[in-house]
Protein backbone atom coordinates (compact mmCIF):
# COMPACT_ATOMS: atom_id res chain seq x y z
CA UNK A 1 74.78 30.49 111.96
CA UNK A 2 78.06 31.53 112.41
CA UNK A 3 79.75 28.94 110.73
CA UNK A 4 77.50 30.18 107.43
CA UNK A 5 78.42 33.80 107.93
CA UNK A 6 81.92 32.51 108.15
CA UNK A 7 81.78 30.65 104.83
CA UNK A 8 80.32 33.34 103.31
CA UNK A 9 83.12 35.90 103.94
CA UNK A 10 85.33 33.12 102.79
CA UNK A 11 83.77 33.08 99.29
CA UNK A 12 84.30 36.56 98.78
CA UNK A 13 87.88 36.75 100.13
CA UNK A 14 88.62 36.12 96.09
CA UNK A 15 85.85 37.71 94.65
CA UNK A 16 86.88 37.42 90.97
CA UNK A 17 86.96 33.80 91.61
CA UNK A 18 83.95 33.37 93.31
CA UNK A 19 82.15 35.80 90.53
CA UNK A 20 83.24 33.24 87.92
CA UNK A 21 81.85 30.21 89.58
CA UNK A 22 78.80 31.41 90.89
CA UNK A 23 78.40 32.81 87.07
CA UNK A 24 79.17 29.16 85.81
CA UNK A 25 76.44 27.75 88.38
CA UNK A 26 73.92 30.40 86.96
CA UNK A 27 74.45 29.99 83.15
CA UNK A 28 73.78 26.00 84.12
CA UNK A 29 71.07 26.80 85.85
CA UNK A 30 69.52 29.26 83.47
CA UNK A 31 70.58 26.40 80.49
CA UNK A 32 68.57 23.79 82.56
CA UNK A 33 65.47 25.54 82.98
CA UNK A 34 65.38 27.24 79.41
CA UNK A 35 66.01 23.97 77.92
CA UNK A 36 63.32 22.03 80.02
CA UNK A 37 60.57 25.16 79.66
CA UNK A 38 60.85 24.86 75.94
CA UNK A 39 60.61 20.88 76.12
CA UNK A 40 57.43 21.47 78.47
CA UNK A 41 56.02 24.64 76.11
CA UNK A 42 56.21 21.98 73.11
CA UNK A 43 54.84 19.06 74.89
CA UNK A 44 51.78 20.82 76.29
CA UNK A 45 51.41 22.67 72.52
CA UNK A 46 51.22 18.75 71.01
CA UNK A 47 48.96 17.98 73.99
CA UNK A 48 46.59 20.68 72.65
CA UNK A 49 46.77 20.24 69.20
CA UNK A 50 46.41 16.41 69.24
CA UNK A 51 43.11 17.36 71.94
CA UNK A 52 41.91 20.14 69.56
CA UNK A 53 42.18 17.85 66.57
CA UNK A 54 40.38 14.61 67.60
CA UNK A 55 38.81 15.44 70.87
CA UNK A 56 40.21 14.18 74.23
CA UNK A 57 38.16 11.26 73.66
CA UNK A 58 36.76 9.69 71.01
CA UNK A 59 33.83 7.15 71.30
CA UNK A 60 33.05 4.83 68.03
CA UNK A 61 31.61 1.25 66.99
CA UNK A 62 33.34 -1.18 69.02
CA UNK A 63 35.34 -2.52 65.93
CA UNK A 64 35.83 0.86 64.56
CA UNK A 65 39.48 1.23 65.54
CA UNK A 66 40.63 -2.41 64.76
CA UNK A 67 38.59 -3.27 61.47
CA UNK A 68 38.76 -1.97 58.13
CA UNK A 69 35.66 -0.82 56.48
CA UNK A 70 34.28 -2.81 53.66
CA UNK A 71 31.46 -0.38 53.07
CA UNK A 72 31.21 3.47 54.06
CA UNK A 73 29.64 3.79 57.52
CA UNK A 74 29.71 -0.36 58.20
CA UNK A 75 31.19 0.42 61.42
CA UNK A 76 29.07 3.54 61.86
CA UNK A 77 27.00 4.11 65.00
CA UNK A 78 23.49 4.55 65.33
CA UNK A 79 21.25 6.36 67.74
CA UNK A 80 24.09 9.07 68.62
CA UNK A 81 22.03 11.55 69.52
CA UNK A 82 20.98 9.59 72.81
CA UNK A 83 24.45 8.81 73.28
CA UNK A 84 25.58 12.46 73.56
CA UNK A 85 23.31 13.45 75.86
CA UNK A 86 24.36 10.39 78.51
CA UNK A 87 27.82 11.83 77.92
CA UNK A 88 27.25 14.87 78.57
CA UNK A 89 25.84 14.23 81.83
CA UNK A 90 29.28 14.48 83.16
CA UNK A 91 29.94 17.98 84.05
CA UNK A 92 33.50 17.63 83.18
CA UNK A 93 32.53 17.14 79.52
CA UNK A 94 32.84 20.59 77.42
CA UNK A 95 31.02 19.16 74.55
CA UNK A 96 30.25 16.35 72.73
CA UNK A 97 30.47 16.47 68.84
CA UNK A 98 29.53 13.82 66.03
CA UNK A 99 32.14 13.50 62.93
CA UNK A 100 31.25 11.33 59.74
CA UNK A 101 34.27 10.51 57.52
CA UNK A 102 34.14 10.32 53.58
CA UNK A 103 35.93 10.30 51.14
CA UNK A 104 35.64 10.60 47.40
CA UNK A 105 36.30 12.60 44.05
CA UNK A 106 35.37 16.55 43.77
CA UNK A 107 35.01 18.17 40.67
CA UNK A 108 34.83 21.13 38.96
CA UNK A 109 33.45 19.87 35.82
CA UNK A 110 36.82 19.95 34.20
CA UNK A 111 38.82 18.45 36.43
CA UNK A 112 38.59 15.96 39.32
CA UNK A 113 40.20 15.17 42.07
CA UNK A 114 40.39 12.35 45.18
CA UNK A 115 39.37 14.36 48.59
CA UNK A 116 39.61 13.25 52.27
CA UNK A 117 37.35 15.00 54.74
CA UNK A 118 35.01 15.30 57.51
CA UNK A 119 30.83 16.17 58.11
CA UNK A 120 31.36 18.20 61.23
CA UNK A 121 29.36 20.13 63.18
CA UNK A 122 29.75 23.45 63.34
CA UNK A 123 29.82 24.32 66.57
CA UNK A 124 33.67 22.03 66.74
CA UNK A 125 35.21 25.51 65.04
CA UNK A 126 33.82 27.14 68.46
CA UNK A 127 35.28 24.37 70.62
CA UNK A 128 38.36 23.57 68.86
CA UNK A 129 39.32 27.52 68.87
CA UNK A 130 42.14 28.97 66.19
CA UNK A 131 43.09 25.52 64.91
CA UNK A 132 42.71 26.38 61.25
CA UNK A 133 43.71 29.21 59.09
CA UNK A 134 41.27 30.75 57.39
CA UNK A 135 42.69 32.21 53.92
CA UNK A 136 39.30 33.24 52.57
CA UNK A 137 35.94 32.89 53.12
CA UNK A 138 34.26 31.97 56.36
CA UNK A 139 33.62 28.67 58.25
CA UNK A 140 30.30 26.36 57.71
CA UNK A 141 27.15 28.23 58.58
CA UNK A 142 25.50 26.86 61.73
CA UNK A 143 21.62 27.53 60.02
CA UNK A 144 21.19 24.92 57.04
CA UNK A 145 17.56 26.16 56.96
CA UNK A 146 18.68 29.33 55.14
CA UNK A 147 21.11 27.59 52.45
CA UNK A 148 19.94 26.68 49.47
CA UNK A 149 23.03 24.86 48.54
CA UNK A 150 25.20 22.58 50.87
CA UNK A 151 28.35 23.96 51.83
CA UNK A 152 31.99 23.17 52.06
CA UNK A 153 35.39 24.14 53.05
CA UNK A 154 38.15 23.05 50.94
CA UNK A 155 41.92 23.19 52.00
CA UNK A 156 43.71 26.02 50.28
CA UNK A 157 46.03 23.36 48.12
CA UNK A 158 42.57 21.38 47.00
CA UNK A 159 41.01 24.97 46.33
CA UNK A 160 44.04 25.78 44.03
CA UNK A 161 43.88 22.55 41.83
CA UNK A 162 40.15 22.91 41.46
CA UNK A 163 40.67 26.48 40.35
CA UNK A 164 37.49 27.57 42.78
CA UNK A 165 37.06 30.69 44.74
CA UNK A 166 34.95 31.22 47.94
CA UNK A 167 31.21 31.30 46.41
CA UNK A 168 32.11 28.60 43.73
CA UNK A 169 30.31 25.49 42.93
CA UNK A 170 31.74 22.23 42.84
CA UNK A 171 30.43 18.54 42.68
CA UNK A 172 30.95 15.69 45.18
CA UNK A 173 30.74 12.35 44.47
CA UNK A 174 31.04 9.00 47.15
CA UNK A 175 30.33 5.93 47.77
CA UNK A 176 27.08 5.18 49.79
CA UNK A 177 26.44 3.33 52.85
CA UNK A 178 24.89 0.70 50.04
CA UNK A 179 27.84 0.74 47.68
CA UNK A 180 26.20 2.81 44.83
CA UNK A 181 27.49 6.29 43.82
CA UNK A 182 25.96 9.33 45.06
CA UNK A 183 26.60 13.02 44.04
CA UNK A 184 25.44 16.63 44.98
CA UNK A 185 26.27 20.07 44.23
CA UNK A 186 28.21 22.15 47.05
CA UNK A 187 29.04 25.90 47.16
CA UNK A 188 32.60 26.90 48.74
CA UNK A 189 31.82 28.90 51.79
CA UNK A 190 36.00 28.99 52.94
CA UNK A 191 39.21 28.09 52.42
CA UNK A 192 41.41 26.85 54.66
CA UNK A 193 44.87 25.82 55.70
CA UNK A 194 46.02 23.29 58.16
CA UNK A 195 49.74 24.18 58.14
CA UNK A 196 50.34 20.67 56.86
CA UNK A 197 51.12 20.31 53.22
CA UNK A 198 49.66 17.09 52.48
CA UNK A 199 46.02 17.58 54.30
CA UNK A 200 46.14 20.70 52.40
CA UNK A 201 46.03 18.81 49.06
CA UNK A 202 43.22 16.67 50.00
CA UNK A 203 41.21 17.79 52.97
CA UNK A 204 37.57 18.98 52.84
CA UNK A 205 34.95 19.61 55.45
CA UNK A 206 31.09 19.64 55.17
CA UNK A 207 28.40 19.76 57.58
CA UNK A 208 27.52 16.41 59.36
CA UNK A 209 23.98 16.71 57.77
CA UNK A 210 25.61 16.83 54.11
CA UNK A 211 27.57 13.99 54.64
CA UNK A 212 24.91 11.93 55.83
CA UNK A 213 22.72 12.94 52.86
CA UNK A 214 26.00 12.17 50.65
CA UNK A 215 26.17 8.72 52.25
CA UNK A 216 22.58 7.99 52.29
CA UNK A 217 22.66 7.11 56.16
CA UNK A 218 21.64 8.31 59.20
CA UNK A 219 25.15 6.83 60.91
CA UNK A 220 27.92 8.88 61.91
CA UNK A 221 31.79 7.62 62.44
CA UNK A 222 32.22 8.62 65.74
CA UNK A 223 31.58 10.90 68.57
CA UNK A 224 34.34 13.35 69.85
CA UNK A 225 34.48 13.71 73.86
CA UNK A 226 35.87 17.40 74.52
CA UNK A 227 36.21 18.47 78.29
CA UNK A 228 37.29 21.44 80.03
CA UNK A 229 40.50 20.19 81.68
CA UNK A 230 42.67 17.58 79.78
CA UNK A 231 44.35 16.21 82.93
CA UNK A 232 40.41 14.79 83.52
CA UNK A 233 40.94 12.51 80.43
CA UNK A 234 41.72 9.16 82.10
CA UNK A 235 39.34 9.31 84.88
CA UNK A 236 36.64 10.38 82.07
CA UNK A 237 37.79 7.52 79.99
CA UNK A 238 37.38 5.08 82.84
CA UNK A 239 33.93 6.47 83.34
CA UNK A 240 32.65 6.01 79.77
CA UNK A 241 34.05 2.79 79.70
CA UNK A 242 32.38 1.66 82.66
CA UNK A 243 29.21 3.12 81.13
CA UNK A 244 29.53 2.20 77.54
CA UNK A 245 30.98 -1.54 77.27
CA UNK A 246 29.67 -1.99 73.98
CA UNK A 247 31.21 1.06 72.67
CA UNK A 248 35.13 1.56 71.88
CA UNK A 249 37.15 4.30 73.16
CA UNK A 250 40.90 6.01 72.68
CA UNK A 251 42.18 8.98 74.43
CA UNK A 252 43.64 11.76 72.66
CA UNK A 253 46.88 10.48 73.22
CA UNK A 254 46.27 7.06 71.42
CA UNK A 255 45.39 9.51 68.14
CA UNK A 256 48.58 11.63 69.08
CA UNK A 257 51.19 9.52 66.96
CA UNK A 258 54.02 12.04 66.90
CA UNK A 259 53.77 13.18 70.31
CA UNK A 260 55.29 10.41 71.99
CA UNK A 261 57.86 10.16 69.29
CA UNK A 262 58.91 14.22 69.81
CA UNK A 263 58.55 13.57 73.55
CA UNK A 264 61.30 10.97 73.67
CA UNK A 265 63.62 12.50 71.62
CA UNK A 266 63.38 15.71 73.54
CA UNK A 267 63.55 13.58 77.09
CA UNK A 268 67.13 12.19 75.41
CA UNK A 269 68.27 15.33 74.12
CA UNK A 270 67.47 17.94 77.17
CA UNK A 271 68.45 14.51 79.40
CA UNK A 272 71.88 14.57 77.33
CA UNK A 273 72.12 18.36 78.04
CA UNK A 274 71.32 18.24 81.77
CA UNK A 275 74.02 15.83 82.20
CA UNK A 276 76.73 17.78 80.62
CA UNK A 277 75.47 20.57 82.23
CA UNK A 278 75.93 19.15 85.39
CA UNK A 279 79.21 18.29 84.55
CA UNK A 280 80.25 21.46 83.68
CA UNK A 281 79.51 22.87 87.18
CA UNK A 282 80.91 20.24 88.99
CA UNK A 283 84.23 20.41 87.60
CA UNK A 284 84.34 24.44 87.43
CA UNK A 285 83.13 24.45 91.40
CA UNK A 286 85.92 21.15 91.93
CA UNK A 287 88.42 23.39 90.36
CA UNK A 288 87.48 26.21 92.29
CA UNK A 289 87.61 24.58 95.41
CA UNK A 290 90.99 22.45 94.64
CA UNK A 291 92.84 25.83 94.46
CA UNK A 292 90.96 27.37 97.56
CA UNK A 293 92.36 24.42 99.36
CA UNK A 294 95.89 24.72 98.33
CA UNK A 295 95.64 28.45 98.47
CA UNK A 296 94.65 27.73 102.15
CA UNK A 297 96.74 24.28 103.09
CA UNK A 298 98.56 26.84 105.94
CA UNK A 299 94.90 27.73 107.21
CA UNK A 300 93.89 24.27 107.30
CA UNK A 301 97.22 23.40 109.00
CA UNK A 302 96.72 26.09 111.60
CA UNK A 303 93.02 25.25 112.46
CA UNK A 304 94.29 21.38 112.71
CA UNK A 305 96.87 22.57 115.46
CA UNK A 306 94.10 24.51 117.25
CA UNK A 307 92.38 21.13 117.40
CA UNK A 308 89.91 21.47 114.61
CA UNK A 309 88.76 18.24 113.52
CA UNK A 310 89.16 17.30 109.86
CA UNK A 311 85.37 17.03 109.66
CA UNK A 312 84.79 20.39 110.82
CA UNK A 313 87.63 21.90 108.54
CA UNK A 314 85.60 19.78 105.46
CA UNK A 315 82.03 21.23 106.54
CA UNK A 316 83.99 24.82 106.09
CA UNK A 317 84.59 23.99 102.83
CA UNK A 318 81.31 22.64 101.53
CA UNK A 319 79.56 25.08 103.27
CA UNK A 320 81.38 27.81 100.99
CA UNK A 321 80.34 25.84 98.19
CA UNK A 322 77.13 25.68 99.32
CA UNK A 323 76.98 29.41 99.53
CA UNK A 324 78.51 29.26 95.73
CA UNK A 325 75.72 26.97 94.70
CA UNK A 326 72.81 28.68 96.44
CA UNK A 327 73.97 32.21 94.91
CA UNK A 328 74.39 30.63 91.47
CA UNK A 329 71.09 28.76 91.55
CA UNK A 330 68.97 31.72 93.16
CA UNK A 331 70.58 34.22 90.10
CA UNK A 332 70.25 31.53 87.48
CA UNK A 333 66.65 31.12 88.31
CA UNK A 334 65.94 35.10 88.25
CA UNK A 335 67.37 35.47 84.74
CA UNK A 336 65.44 32.29 83.51
CA UNK A 337 62.20 34.04 84.81
CA UNK A 338 63.01 37.63 83.11
CA UNK A 339 63.71 35.44 79.99
CA UNK A 340 60.39 33.46 80.21
CA UNK A 341 58.33 36.61 80.68
CA UNK A 342 60.44 38.67 78.04
CA UNK A 343 59.70 36.09 75.29
CA UNK A 344 56.02 36.16 75.99
CA UNK A 345 56.04 39.97 74.26
CA UNK A 346 59.10 39.41 72.10
CA UNK A 347 56.96 37.27 69.41
CA UNK A 348 60.22 35.75 68.02
CA UNK A 349 58.93 33.16 65.32
CA UNK A 350 60.11 29.23 65.57
CA UNK A 351 60.28 28.29 61.74
CA UNK A 352 58.02 25.52 60.62
CA UNK A 353 58.58 22.17 62.21
CA UNK A 354 58.93 19.30 59.24
CA UNK A 355 55.63 18.67 57.68
CA UNK A 356 54.31 21.66 58.32
CA UNK A 357 54.30 25.00 56.69
CA UNK A 358 53.30 27.27 59.77
CA UNK A 359 55.84 28.44 62.09
CA UNK A 360 54.67 29.28 65.72
CA UNK A 361 55.74 31.49 68.39
CA UNK A 362 59.01 30.89 70.82
CA UNK A 363 57.95 30.63 74.54
CA UNK A 364 59.85 28.81 77.37
CA UNK A 365 57.10 27.89 80.61
CA UNK A 366 59.32 28.54 83.88
CA UNK A 367 58.34 25.47 85.83
CA UNK A 368 58.51 25.48 89.74
CA UNK A 369 58.43 21.79 89.82
CA UNK A 370 61.68 21.96 87.67
CA UNK A 371 63.19 24.54 89.75
CA UNK A 372 62.73 22.49 92.79
CA UNK A 373 64.60 19.51 91.07
CA UNK A 374 67.66 21.23 89.41
CA UNK A 375 68.55 23.54 92.42
CA UNK A 376 68.95 20.93 94.93
CA UNK A 377 70.93 18.87 92.73
CA UNK A 378 73.07 21.78 91.50
CA UNK A 379 74.03 22.65 95.17
CA UNK A 380 74.41 18.80 96.15
CA UNK A 381 77.30 18.65 93.14
CA UNK A 382 78.41 22.00 94.46
CA UNK A 383 78.86 20.90 97.89
CA UNK A 384 79.92 17.13 96.76
CA UNK A 385 82.67 19.27 94.54
CA UNK A 386 84.09 20.81 97.42
CA UNK A 387 84.12 17.74 100.04
CA UNK A 388 86.20 15.68 97.35
CA UNK A 389 88.86 18.88 97.00
CA UNK A 390 88.68 19.36 100.98
CA UNK A 391 88.66 15.73 102.03
CA UNK A 392 92.13 15.36 100.14
CA UNK A 393 93.79 18.80 101.60
CA UNK A 394 92.85 17.76 105.06
CA UNK A 395 94.75 14.41 104.60
CA UNK A 396 98.08 16.20 105.23
CA UNK A 397 99.99 16.01 108.40
CA UNK A 398 99.86 19.06 110.46
CA UNK A 399 103.61 19.85 110.11
CA UNK A 400 103.35 19.47 106.37
CA UNK A 401 100.57 21.73 106.04
CA UNK A 402 102.36 24.61 108.22
CA UNK A 403 105.27 24.38 105.88
CA UNK A 404 103.33 24.46 102.65
CA UNK A 405 104.56 27.34 100.66
């Protein structure tokens, strides 16, 4: 303890230089914490977006993910209600919702356009949360019995192309499961935006019963399992695979095509940034300690003349660097925490990412796991820099050190 107090006093013998070195270490800590926190926020956002879009687990016909259908619903699921009840027996499962994929032509009488869409359970909007921005109107009704005409929701650019507003009527035409054409009139209940321009030009949503009526089938394309916790995905997936060996399963990760690409890109970018920051701190502390060792060469000679071992002298300088590293990282963590909290209330909007028309709020997570990783590393770098500088200093003979000017 006495040596540590001695090291603290030595650090602040030159307060300006010590303060600059501590600030550089703090800035390095802040930079790593903020960049890492932003990456973690991005990863979690992509995970939740993928899980909300497709569900944590997708259950389908055994060949659904590997083969192309020659006719609609060729690889559809039958008796899906029974499978829903079986899947819901797991307490980790929040909801199991059916979905039917469909595509075809949509027309206002004067103009037609190709659409891609899904027949869904309206409960999906509740489970997903605010995944769609409603531009006008409302979401699909849960009570079909009160509807005189089947409802449909259109993406905003498709609605603009069809020159239709909420309450307007359109005709939807698809190829049925038997390979013949079928058409029904629908009423527009709402207009929405996904934030992805290409999807906004083609996407429609309707009730799953309406989709089955269009396709003239009682099959569905897939079941989408929503869990309470995304971390349970692997364990639930393994459990479902054991109990439903005749079905094909995919997790949200297999559906999240952008997640792995973005994560790999960010890992490389922030990994290189971390290396640069570590080097910056190392050379800064190394330069500071080299100057300290040169200035205190006579002190080193005096300690050696009084019987101090070289390793004891090196230890003293290393302790001083430890104090600098500990103080700098503690200050950096404090600043990082303040910035992380402040951003939650600042409502700073980031520009839309490529392929999207919606921005998103800038958030930075304060990660204790990341802090527990970088704090020891930065302190170790500081101590290593001091050890290298001090080791060179103690190699001088006592006479040469005492005669140093």
